[in-house]
Amino acid sequence: KKNILELLNSVGFEVVVVPCNFSFDKIMQYKPLGIFLSNGPGDPFATASQALKTIKKLINIKIPIFGICLGHQLLGLALNAKTIKMHHGHHGVNQPVKRINNGQIEITSQNHGFNIEEESLPSNLNISHYSLFDGVIQGIEHKNDPFFSVQYHPEASPGPHDSIYLFEKFKETILKSNFYAKKKRH
């Protein structure tokens, strides 16, 4: 989405867009400091067949990763969680989501038919956000590494903008990461 690019630019990122079937080696030729896994249509398993191997390699080098919607589901799969098809899914604006670290309620825009299954979460992941409608996971964070994602659309335009802070959080995650510190030395 164009608004995702604009929001990443607004916090100082120079963005290079690559397709989901780009190889790890091709991605690394750009010398990225972070990886954004975008939203997209469809079943995460179908996209995973093209992207999961590459995402796991990116995780192994501990490059900071931020995912939205389908990107959230793919990050979950790459970190050994499972996704499931929802009975009805979440669609539309004004979807209340609770941020666990401070209890704040965010009004969000959503459009998805799959979610990360809570029972499948590995012990190295925390739930960062959940739906106040049905309690499903709306965000995850790795406990030790610079990976996080949300199921909803903080970039929605027009739409609620309660979650724009996530783009600044991504920038801060990169600047604090060991991956960035190593790149800065070289």
N, C-alpha and C. Protein backbone atom coordinates (compact mmCIF):
# COMPACT_ATOMS: atom_id res chain seq x y z
N LYS A 1 0.83 -1.19 0.00
CA LYS A 1 0.00 0.00 0.00
C LYS A 1 0.87 1.25 0.00
N LYS A 2 0.43 2.21 -0.75
CA LYS A 2 1.19 3.47 -0.84
C LYS A 2 1.33 4.13 0.54
N ASN A 3 0.32 4.03 1.37
CA ASN A 3 0.39 4.68 2.68
C ASN A 3 1.45 4.04 3.57
N ILE A 4 1.69 2.74 3.43
CA ILE A 4 2.76 2.10 4.19
C ILE A 4 4.10 2.73 3.80
N LEU A 5 4.33 2.86 2.51
CA LEU A 5 5.57 3.48 2.03
C LEU A 5 5.71 4.90 2.57
N GLU A 6 4.64 5.67 2.53
CA GLU A 6 4.68 7.05 3.03
C GLU A 6 4.98 7.09 4.53
N LEU A 7 4.39 6.18 5.29
CA LEU A 7 4.63 6.16 6.74
C LEU A 7 6.07 5.73 7.05
N LEU A 8 6.59 4.76 6.30
CA LEU A 8 7.99 4.37 6.49
C LEU A 8 8.92 5.53 6.12
N ASN A 9 8.63 6.21 5.03
CA ASN A 9 9.42 7.39 4.64
C ASN A 9 9.33 8.49 5.70
N SER A 10 8.16 8.66 6.30
CA SER A 10 7.95 9.75 7.26
C SER A 10 8.80 9.61 8.53
N VAL A 11 9.22 8.38 8.83
CA VAL A 11 10.10 8.19 10.01
C VAL A 11 11.56 8.03 9.59
N GLY A 12 11.86 8.31 8.31
CA GLY A 12 13.25 8.37 7.87
C GLY A 12 13.77 7.18 7.10
N PHE A 13 12.91 6.24 6.74
CA PHE A 13 13.38 5.07 6.00
C PHE A 13 13.48 5.36 4.51
N GLU A 14 14.51 4.83 3.88
CA GLU A 14 14.58 4.73 2.43
C GLU A 14 14.09 3.31 2.13
N VAL A 15 13.05 3.17 1.34
CA VAL A 15 12.37 1.89 1.16
C VAL A 15 12.65 1.32 -0.22
N VAL A 16 12.95 0.03 -0.25
CA VAL A 16 13.07 -0.73 -1.49
C VAL A 16 12.01 -1.83 -1.41
N VAL A 17 11.14 -1.89 -2.39
CA VAL A 17 10.08 -2.89 -2.43
C VAL A 17 10.53 -4.06 -3.29
N VAL A 18 10.41 -5.26 -2.73
CA VAL A 18 10.76 -6.48 -3.47
C VAL A 18 9.58 -7.45 -3.40
N PRO A 19 9.45 -8.34 -4.39
CA PRO A 19 8.36 -9.31 -4.37
C PRO A 19 8.58 -10.40 -3.32
N CYS A 20 7.51 -11.12 -2.99
CA CYS A 20 7.59 -12.13 -1.94
C CYS A 20 8.48 -13.31 -2.32
N ASN A 21 8.79 -13.48 -3.58
CA ASN A 21 9.64 -14.61 -3.98
C ASN A 21 11.10 -14.21 -4.20
N PHE A 22 11.48 -13.01 -3.75
CA PHE A 22 12.87 -12.56 -3.83
C PHE A 22 13.72 -13.44 -2.91
N SER A 23 14.89 -13.81 -3.35
CA SER A 23 15.76 -14.67 -2.53
C SER A 23 16.44 -13.86 -1.43
N PHE A 24 16.90 -14.57 -0.43
CA PHE A 24 17.65 -13.97 0.67
C PHE A 24 18.85 -13.20 0.12
N ASP A 25 19.60 -13.82 -0.78
CA ASP A 25 20.80 -13.18 -1.33
C ASP A 25 20.47 -11.90 -2.09
N LYS A 26 19.39 -11.90 -2.85
CA LYS A 26 18.99 -10.69 -3.57
C LYS A 26 18.59 -9.58 -2.60
N ILE A 27 17.87 -9.95 -1.55
CA ILE A 27 17.49 -8.96 -0.53
C ILE A 27 18.72 -8.35 0.11
N MET A 28 19.67 -9.19 0.48
CA MET A 28 20.85 -8.72 1.21
C MET A 28 21.76 -7.86 0.33
N GLN A 29 21.63 -7.94 -0.98
CA GLN A 29 22.41 -7.06 -1.86
C GLN A 29 22.05 -5.59 -1.64
N TYR A 30 20.86 -5.32 -1.13
CA TYR A 30 20.44 -3.95 -0.84
C TYR A 30 20.98 -3.44 0.50
N LYS A 31 21.62 -4.31 1.28
CA LYS A 31 22.17 -3.97 2.60
C LYS A 31 21.11 -3.35 3.52
N PRO A 32 19.98 -4.07 3.69
CA PRO A 32 18.90 -3.51 4.51
C PRO A 32 19.27 -3.47 5.99
N LEU A 33 18.68 -2.51 6.69
CA LEU A 33 18.82 -2.43 8.15
C LEU A 33 17.61 -3.02 8.85
N GLY A 34 16.54 -3.23 8.09
CA GLY A 34 15.32 -3.81 8.62
C GLY A 34 14.49 -4.37 7.48
N ILE A 35 13.56 -5.24 7.84
CA ILE A 35 12.69 -5.87 6.85
C ILE A 35 11.24 -5.62 7.28
N PHE A 36 10.44 -5.15 6.34
CA PHE A 36 9.01 -4.96 6.58
C PHE A 36 8.27 -6.02 5.78
N LEU A 37 7.45 -6.83 6.45
CA LEU A 37 6.63 -7.84 5.79
C LEU A 37 5.23 -7.26 5.62
N SER A 38 4.84 -7.03 4.39
CA SER A 38 3.60 -6.29 4.13
C SER A 38 2.37 -7.17 4.20
N ASN A 39 1.26 -6.48 4.17
CA ASN A 39 -0.03 -7.14 4.08
C ASN A 39 -0.21 -7.69 2.67
N GLY A 40 -1.23 -8.44 2.49
CA GLY A 40 -1.52 -8.99 1.18
C GLY A 40 -2.73 -9.89 1.26
N PRO A 41 -3.27 -10.27 0.16
CA PRO A 41 -4.47 -11.11 0.19
C PRO A 41 -4.14 -12.57 0.43
N GLY A 42 -5.12 -13.29 0.91
CA GLY A 42 -5.08 -14.73 0.83
C GLY A 42 -4.58 -15.51 2.03
N ASP A 43 -4.38 -16.76 1.75
CA ASP A 43 -4.01 -17.77 2.72
C ASP A 43 -2.51 -17.67 3.02
N PRO A 44 -2.13 -17.54 4.29
CA PRO A 44 -0.70 -17.44 4.60
C PRO A 44 0.09 -18.67 4.17
N PHE A 45 -0.54 -19.83 4.13
CA PHE A 45 0.17 -21.03 3.70
C PHE A 45 0.59 -20.94 2.24
N ALA A 46 -0.25 -20.34 1.40
CA ALA A 46 0.09 -20.20 -0.02
C ALA A 46 1.29 -19.28 -0.20
N THR A 47 1.31 -18.17 0.50
CA THR A 47 2.45 -17.24 0.41
C THR A 47 3.68 -17.84 1.08
N ALA A 48 3.46 -18.57 2.15
CA ALA A 48 4.58 -19.19 2.88
C ALA A 48 5.39 -20.10 1.97
N SER A 49 4.74 -20.75 1.03
CA SER A 49 5.47 -21.65 0.14
C SER A 49 6.53 -20.90 -0.66
N GLN A 50 6.33 -19.60 -0.89
CA GLN A 50 7.30 -18.79 -1.62
C GLN A 50 8.25 -18.03 -0.71
N ALA A 51 7.79 -17.65 0.48
CA ALA A 51 8.55 -16.68 1.28
C ALA A 51 9.13 -17.22 2.59
N LEU A 52 8.60 -18.31 3.11
CA LEU A 52 8.98 -18.73 4.46
C LEU A 52 10.47 -19.05 4.61
N LYS A 53 11.04 -19.71 3.64
CA LYS A 53 12.47 -20.06 3.70
C LYS A 53 13.32 -18.80 3.82
N THR A 54 12.98 -17.78 3.05
CA THR A 54 13.72 -16.51 3.08
C THR A 54 13.51 -15.79 4.41
N ILE A 55 12.27 -15.76 4.90
CA ILE A 55 11.99 -15.10 6.18
C ILE A 55 12.77 -15.77 7.30
N LYS A 56 12.85 -17.09 7.29
CA LYS A 56 13.62 -17.80 8.33
C LYS A 56 15.11 -17.45 8.26
N LYS A 57 15.64 -17.28 7.07
CA LYS A 57 17.05 -16.86 6.94
C LYS A 57 17.24 -15.45 7.50
N LEU A 58 16.26 -14.57 7.25
CA LEU A 58 16.33 -13.20 7.80
C LEU A 58 16.26 -13.23 9.33
N ILE A 59 15.43 -14.10 9.86
CA ILE A 59 15.33 -14.27 11.32
C ILE A 59 16.66 -14.76 11.88
N ASN A 60 17.29 -15.69 11.19
CA ASN A 60 18.56 -16.26 11.67
C ASN A 60 19.66 -15.21 11.80
N ILE A 61 19.65 -14.18 10.95
CA ILE A 61 20.67 -13.14 11.07
C ILE A 61 20.23 -12.02 12.03
N LYS A 62 19.02 -12.17 12.57
CA LYS A 62 18.46 -11.23 13.56
C LYS A 62 18.30 -9.80 13.04
N ILE A 63 18.00 -9.67 11.75
CA ILE A 63 17.69 -8.36 11.21
C ILE A 63 16.31 -7.95 11.73
N PRO A 64 16.11 -6.73 12.17
CA PRO A 64 14.79 -6.33 12.66
C PRO A 64 13.69 -6.53 11.61
N ILE A 65 12.57 -7.07 12.07
CA ILE A 65 11.43 -7.36 11.19
C ILE A 65 10.15 -6.83 11.82
N PHE A 66 9.35 -6.16 10.99
CA PHE A 66 8.02 -5.67 11.35
C PHE A 66 7.05 -6.19 10.30
N GLY A 67 5.96 -6.83 10.74
CA GLY A 67 4.97 -7.35 9.81
C GLY A 67 3.58 -6.81 10.11
N ILE A 68 2.79 -6.65 9.05
CA ILE A 68 1.40 -6.23 9.16
C ILE A 68 0.53 -7.26 8.44
N CYS A 69 -0.56 -7.67 9.06
CA CYS A 69 -1.60 -8.53 8.49
C CYS A 69 -1.00 -9.83 7.97
N LEU A 70 -0.94 -10.04 6.65
CA LEU A 70 -0.33 -11.26 6.12
C LEU A 70 1.13 -11.35 6.57
N GLY A 71 1.82 -10.21 6.64
CA GLY A 71 3.19 -10.20 7.15
C GLY A 71 3.28 -10.67 8.59
N HIS A 72 2.28 -10.35 9.39
CA HIS A 72 2.16 -10.82 10.78
C HIS A 72 2.01 -12.34 10.80
N GLN A 73 1.15 -12.85 9.96
CA GLN A 73 0.92 -14.30 9.91
C GLN A 73 2.18 -15.03 9.44
N LEU A 74 2.86 -14.47 8.43
CA LEU A 74 4.09 -15.10 7.93
C LEU A 74 5.20 -15.08 8.98
N LEU A 75 5.32 -13.96 9.71
CA LEU A 75 6.31 -13.91 10.78
C LEU A 75 5.99 -14.98 11.83
N GLY A 76 4.71 -15.09 12.19
CA GLY A 76 4.30 -16.12 13.14
C GLY A 76 4.68 -17.51 12.67
N LEU A 77 4.38 -17.82 11.40
CA LEU A 77 4.74 -19.14 10.85
C LEU A 77 6.25 -19.36 10.88
N ALA A 78 7.01 -18.33 10.52
CA ALA A 78 8.47 -18.45 10.49
C ALA A 78 9.05 -18.65 11.89
N LEU A 79 8.33 -18.18 12.90
CA LEU A 79 8.78 -18.33 14.30
C LEU A 79 8.12 -19.54 14.97
N ASN A 80 7.55 -20.42 14.15
CA ASN A 80 7.00 -21.71 14.57
C ASN A 80 5.64 -21.66 15.26
N ALA A 81 4.89 -20.60 15.06
CA ALA A 81 3.48 -20.58 15.48
C ALA A 81 2.66 -21.14 14.32
N LYS A 82 1.38 -21.32 14.55
CA LYS A 82 0.49 -21.81 13.50
C LYS A 82 -0.59 -20.78 13.23
N THR A 83 -1.07 -20.76 11.99
CA THR A 83 -2.21 -19.91 11.64
C THR A 83 -3.41 -20.80 11.37
N ILE A 84 -4.60 -20.23 11.62
CA ILE A 84 -5.83 -20.96 11.37
C ILE A 84 -6.81 -20.05 10.64
N LYS A 85 -7.68 -20.67 9.86
CA LYS A 85 -8.74 -19.92 9.18
C LYS A 85 -9.83 -19.61 10.20
N MET A 86 -10.26 -18.35 10.19
CA MET A 86 -11.30 -17.91 11.11
C MET A 86 -12.68 -18.22 10.51
N HIS A 87 -13.66 -18.37 11.37
CA HIS A 87 -15.02 -18.65 10.90
C HIS A 87 -15.56 -17.50 10.06
N HIS A 88 -15.41 -16.26 10.55
CA HIS A 88 -15.90 -15.09 9.83
C HIS A 88 -14.80 -14.08 9.49
N GLY A 89 -13.73 -14.09 10.22
CA GLY A 89 -12.67 -13.10 10.02
C GLY A 89 -13.03 -11.76 10.63
N HIS A 90 -12.13 -10.82 10.51
CA HIS A 90 -12.33 -9.45 10.99
C HIS A 90 -12.26 -8.53 9.78
N HIS A 91 -13.31 -7.73 9.59
CA HIS A 91 -13.37 -6.85 8.43
C HIS A 91 -13.98 -5.52 8.84
N GLY A 92 -13.32 -4.43 8.44
CA GLY A 92 -13.87 -3.10 8.68
C GLY A 92 -13.08 -2.29 9.67
N VAL A 93 -13.57 -1.08 9.90
CA VAL A 93 -12.91 -0.16 10.83
C VAL A 93 -13.58 -0.25 12.19
N ASN A 94 -13.02 0.48 13.14
CA ASN A 94 -13.55 0.57 14.50
C ASN A 94 -13.50 -0.77 15.24
N GLN A 95 -12.42 -1.51 15.02
CA GLN A 95 -12.19 -2.78 15.71
C GLN A 95 -11.31 -2.50 16.93
N PRO A 96 -11.82 -2.68 18.15
CA PRO A 96 -11.02 -2.38 19.33
C PRO A 96 -9.97 -3.46 19.63
N VAL A 97 -8.75 -3.00 19.85
CA VAL A 97 -7.63 -3.88 20.15
C VAL A 97 -6.95 -3.34 21.40
N LYS A 98 -6.58 -4.25 22.31
CA LYS A 98 -5.90 -3.83 23.54
C LYS A 98 -4.41 -4.09 23.42
N ARG A 99 -3.62 -3.04 23.71
CA ARG A 99 -2.16 -3.16 23.77
C ARG A 99 -1.81 -3.61 25.19
N ILE A 100 -1.17 -4.75 25.31
CA ILE A 100 -0.96 -5.37 26.62
C ILE A 100 0.02 -4.59 27.50
N ASN A 101 1.09 -4.02 26.93
CA ASN A 101 2.12 -3.40 27.77
C ASN A 101 1.63 -2.18 28.55
N ASN A 102 0.58 -1.51 28.07
CA ASN A 102 0.10 -0.34 28.81
C ASN A 102 -1.42 -0.30 28.98
N GLY A 103 -2.11 -1.31 28.47
CA GLY A 103 -3.56 -1.38 28.62
C GLY A 103 -4.35 -0.45 27.72
N GLN A 104 -3.67 0.29 26.85
CA GLN A 104 -4.34 1.24 25.97
C GLN A 104 -5.18 0.50 24.93
N ILE A 105 -6.34 1.07 24.65
CA ILE A 105 -7.22 0.53 23.61
C ILE A 105 -6.97 1.32 22.33
N GLU A 106 -6.74 0.59 21.24
CA GLU A 106 -6.53 1.21 19.93
C GLU A 106 -7.72 0.84 19.05
N ILE A 107 -8.24 1.81 18.34
CA ILE A 107 -9.29 1.54 17.36
C ILE A 107 -8.58 1.29 16.04
N THR A 108 -8.87 0.14 15.43
CA THR A 108 -8.10 -0.32 14.28
C THR A 108 -8.99 -0.62 13.08
N SER A 109 -8.34 -0.74 11.94
CA SER A 109 -8.95 -1.18 10.70
C SER A 109 -8.43 -2.59 10.43
N GLN A 110 -9.32 -3.50 10.04
CA GLN A 110 -8.90 -4.88 9.84
C GLN A 110 -9.55 -5.49 8.61
N ASN A 111 -8.84 -6.45 8.02
CA ASN A 111 -9.37 -7.17 6.87
C ASN A 111 -8.59 -8.47 6.72
N HIS A 112 -8.99 -9.48 7.48
CA HIS A 112 -8.28 -10.76 7.42
C HIS A 112 -9.20 -11.91 7.75
N GLY A 113 -8.86 -13.07 7.23
CA GLY A 113 -9.64 -14.28 7.47
C GLY A 113 -8.86 -15.37 8.17
N PHE A 114 -7.60 -15.08 8.54
CA PHE A 114 -6.74 -16.02 9.26
C PHE A 114 -6.17 -15.33 10.48
N ASN A 115 -5.79 -16.10 11.48
CA ASN A 115 -5.11 -15.53 12.63
C ASN A 115 -4.11 -16.53 13.19
N ILE A 116 -3.20 -16.01 14.01
CA ILE A 116 -2.23 -16.88 14.68
C ILE A 116 -2.93 -17.57 15.84
N GLU A 117 -2.76 -18.86 15.91
CA GLU A 117 -3.40 -19.67 16.95
C GLU A 117 -2.63 -19.53 18.27
N GLU A 118 -3.31 -19.05 19.29
CA GLU A 118 -2.64 -18.77 20.57
C GLU A 118 -1.99 -20.01 21.16
N GLU A 119 -2.64 -21.14 21.08
CA GLU A 119 -2.11 -22.38 21.68
C GLU A 119 -0.81 -22.81 21.03
N SER A 120 -0.55 -22.33 19.82
CA SER A 120 0.65 -22.75 19.09
C SER A 120 1.86 -21.84 19.33
N LEU A 121 1.66 -20.73 20.08
CA LEU A 121 2.77 -19.78 20.26
C LEU A 121 3.94 -20.42 20.98
N PRO A 122 5.13 -20.35 20.41
CA PRO A 122 6.30 -20.84 21.13
C PRO A 122 6.61 -19.93 22.32
N SER A 123 7.36 -20.44 23.26
CA SER A 123 7.62 -19.71 24.51
C SER A 123 8.46 -18.45 24.30
N ASN A 124 9.11 -18.29 23.15
CA ASN A 124 9.93 -17.10 22.92
C ASN A 124 9.12 -15.93 22.34
N LEU A 125 7.80 -16.10 22.20
CA LEU A 125 6.94 -15.03 21.70
C LEU A 125 5.95 -14.57 22.76
N ASN A 126 5.75 -13.26 22.82
CA ASN A 126 4.72 -12.67 23.67
C ASN A 126 3.59 -12.16 22.80
N ILE A 127 2.38 -12.20 23.34
CA ILE A 127 1.25 -11.53 22.69
C ILE A 127 1.35 -10.07 23.10
N SER A 128 1.35 -9.18 22.12
CA SER A 128 1.47 -7.75 22.41
C SER A 128 0.12 -7.03 22.32
N HIS A 129 -0.81 -7.58 21.53
CA HIS A 129 -2.13 -6.98 21.31
C HIS A 129 -3.15 -8.11 21.15
N TYR A 130 -4.37 -7.85 21.59
CA TYR A 130 -5.44 -8.81 21.33
C TYR A 130 -6.75 -8.10 21.07
N SER A 131 -7.65 -8.79 20.37
CA SER A 131 -8.94 -8.24 19.99
C SER A 131 -9.88 -8.20 21.19
N LEU A 132 -10.54 -7.07 21.39
CA LEU A 132 -11.54 -6.99 22.44
C LEU A 132 -12.88 -7.58 21.99
N PHE A 133 -13.04 -7.85 20.70
CA PHE A 133 -14.26 -8.50 20.21
C PHE A 133 -14.27 -9.98 20.54
N ASP A 134 -13.16 -10.67 20.22
CA ASP A 134 -13.18 -12.13 20.38
C ASP A 134 -11.91 -12.70 21.03
N GLY A 135 -10.99 -11.83 21.46
CA GLY A 135 -9.80 -12.28 22.19
C GLY A 135 -8.69 -12.86 21.34
N VAL A 136 -8.81 -12.85 20.00
CA VAL A 136 -7.75 -13.43 19.19
C VAL A 136 -6.51 -12.53 19.19
N ILE A 137 -5.39 -13.13 18.92
CA ILE A 137 -4.11 -12.42 18.87
C ILE A 137 -4.15 -11.36 17.78
N GLN A 138 -3.73 -10.14 18.14
CA GLN A 138 -3.65 -9.04 17.18
C GLN A 138 -2.22 -8.53 17.05
N GLY A 139 -1.30 -9.03 17.88
CA GLY A 139 0.10 -8.63 17.77
C GLY A 139 0.99 -9.58 18.54
N ILE A 140 2.21 -9.76 18.03
CA ILE A 140 3.21 -10.58 18.71
C ILE A 140 4.54 -9.84 18.74
N GLU A 141 5.36 -10.19 19.72
CA GLU A 141 6.73 -9.67 19.84
C GLU A 141 7.63 -10.81 20.28
N HIS A 142 8.81 -10.86 19.72
CA HIS A 142 9.79 -11.83 20.18
C HIS A 142 10.35 -11.33 21.50
N LYS A 143 10.58 -12.23 22.44
CA LYS A 143 11.06 -11.83 23.77
C LYS A 143 12.48 -11.29 23.75
N ASN A 144 13.32 -11.79 22.84
CA ASN A 144 14.74 -11.43 22.85
C ASN A 144 15.25 -10.78 21.57
N ASP A 145 14.58 -11.03 20.47
CA ASP A 145 15.07 -10.59 19.18
C ASP A 145 14.17 -9.49 18.59
N PRO A 146 14.67 -8.74 17.60
CA PRO A 146 13.96 -7.56 17.11
C PRO A 146 12.87 -7.85 16.07
N PHE A 147 11.90 -8.67 16.46
CA PHE A 147 10.81 -9.05 15.56
C PHE A 147 9.48 -8.74 16.22
N PHE A 148 8.59 -8.06 15.50
CA PHE A 148 7.24 -7.84 16.00
C PHE A 148 6.28 -7.67 14.83
N SER A 149 5.00 -7.85 15.11
CA SER A 149 4.00 -7.73 14.04
C SER A 149 2.62 -7.50 14.64
N VAL A 150 1.73 -6.99 13.78
CA VAL A 150 0.34 -6.81 14.17
C VAL A 150 -0.56 -7.34 13.06
N GLN A 151 -1.72 -7.83 13.47
CA GLN A 151 -2.69 -8.38 12.53
C GLN A 151 -3.48 -7.30 11.81
N TYR A 152 -3.67 -6.18 12.45
CA TYR A 152 -4.52 -5.12 11.90
C TYR A 152 -3.71 -4.17 11.02
N HIS A 153 -4.34 -3.08 10.60
CA HIS A 153 -3.72 -2.16 9.64
C HIS A 153 -3.46 -0.79 10.25
N PRO A 154 -2.28 -0.58 10.84
CA PRO A 154 -1.97 0.74 11.40
C PRO A 154 -1.82 1.82 10.34
N GLU A 155 -1.67 1.41 9.09
CA GLU A 155 -1.48 2.35 7.99
C GLU A 155 -2.79 2.77 7.34
N ALA A 156 -3.91 2.29 7.85
CA ALA A 156 -5.21 2.51 7.21
C ALA A 156 -5.45 3.98 6.88
N SER A 157 -5.89 4.19 5.65
CA SER A 157 -6.14 5.57 5.22
C SER A 157 -7.22 5.56 4.15
N PRO A 158 -8.41 6.09 4.38
CA PRO A 158 -8.78 6.70 5.65
C PRO A 158 -9.03 5.60 6.68
N GLY A 159 -8.89 5.96 7.90
CA GLY A 159 -9.13 4.99 8.97
C GLY A 159 -8.58 5.50 10.26
N PRO A 160 -8.73 4.72 11.31
CA PRO A 160 -8.19 5.13 12.60
C PRO A 160 -6.66 5.16 12.56
N HIS A 161 -6.08 6.11 13.27
CA HIS A 161 -4.63 6.26 13.28
C HIS A 161 -4.03 6.04 14.66
N ASP A 162 -4.72 5.27 15.49
CA ASP A 162 -4.26 5.02 16.85
C ASP A 162 -2.94 4.24 16.91
N SER A 163 -2.59 3.57 15.83
CA SER A 163 -1.45 2.66 15.85
C SER A 163 -0.28 3.11 14.99
N ILE A 164 -0.27 4.35 14.57
CA ILE A 164 0.83 4.88 13.75
C ILE A 164 2.17 4.76 14.48
N TYR A 165 2.14 4.78 15.80
CA TYR A 165 3.36 4.68 16.60
C TYR A 165 4.20 3.46 16.23
N LEU A 166 3.59 2.43 15.64
CA LEU A 166 4.32 1.21 15.31
C LEU A 166 5.44 1.46 14.29
N PHE A 167 5.28 2.44 13.42
CA PHE A 167 6.32 2.75 12.45
C PHE A 167 7.53 3.38 13.14
N GLU A 168 7.28 4.22 14.13
CA GLU A 168 8.37 4.79 14.94
C GLU A 168 9.02 3.69 15.79
N LYS A 169 8.19 2.77 16.30
CA LYS A 169 8.73 1.64 17.08
C LYS A 169 9.68 0.80 16.21
N PHE A 170 9.33 0.60 14.94
CA PHE A 170 10.19 -0.15 14.04
C PHE A 170 11.55 0.55 13.90
N LYS A 171 11.51 1.86 13.72
CA LYS A 171 12.76 2.63 13.62
C LYS A 171 13.60 2.47 14.89
N GLU A 172 12.97 2.60 16.05
CA GLU A 172 13.68 2.45 17.33
C GLU A 172 14.23 1.05 17.49
N THR A 173 13.46 0.04 17.05
CA THR A 173 13.92 -1.35 17.12
C THR A 173 15.18 -1.53 16.30
N ILE A 174 15.20 -0.96 15.11
CA ILE A 174 16.40 -1.05 14.25
C ILE A 174 17.59 -0.38 14.92
N LEU A 175 17.40 0.84 15.41
CA LEU A 175 18.51 1.60 16.00
C LEU A 175 19.07 0.94 17.25
N LYS A 176 18.26 0.19 17.97
CA LYS A 176 18.71 -0.50 19.19
C LYS A 176 19.24 -1.90 18.93
N SER A 177 19.07 -2.40 17.71
CA SER A 177 19.40 -3.80 17.43
C SER A 177 20.90 -4.03 17.32
N ASN A 178 21.31 -5.23 17.65
CA ASN A 178 22.70 -5.66 17.45
C ASN A 178 23.03 -5.68 15.97
N PHE A 179 22.05 -6.01 15.14
CA PHE A 179 22.26 -6.04 13.69
C PHE A 179 22.71 -4.67 13.20
N TYR A 180 22.03 -3.62 13.65
CA TYR A 180 22.38 -2.24 13.27
C TYR A 180 23.76 -1.87 13.81
N ALA A 181 24.04 -2.24 15.05
CA ALA A 181 25.33 -1.92 15.66
C ALA A 181 26.48 -2.54 14.86
N LYS A 182 26.30 -3.77 14.40
CA LYS A 182 27.34 -4.43 13.60
C LYS A 182 27.53 -3.73 12.25
N LYS A 183 26.41 -3.33 11.61
CA LYS A 183 26.48 -2.65 10.31
C LYS A 183 27.17 -1.30 10.46
N LYS A 184 26.89 -0.63 11.56
CA LYS A 184 27.45 0.71 11.80
C LYS A 184 28.97 0.64 11.96
N ARG A 185 29.48 -0.42 12.52
CA ARG A 185 30.92 -0.58 12.71
C ARG A 185 31.65 -0.86 11.40
N HIS A 186 30.92 -1.39 10.42
CA HIS A 186 31.60 -1.77 9.15
C HIS A 186 31.42 -0.75 8.09
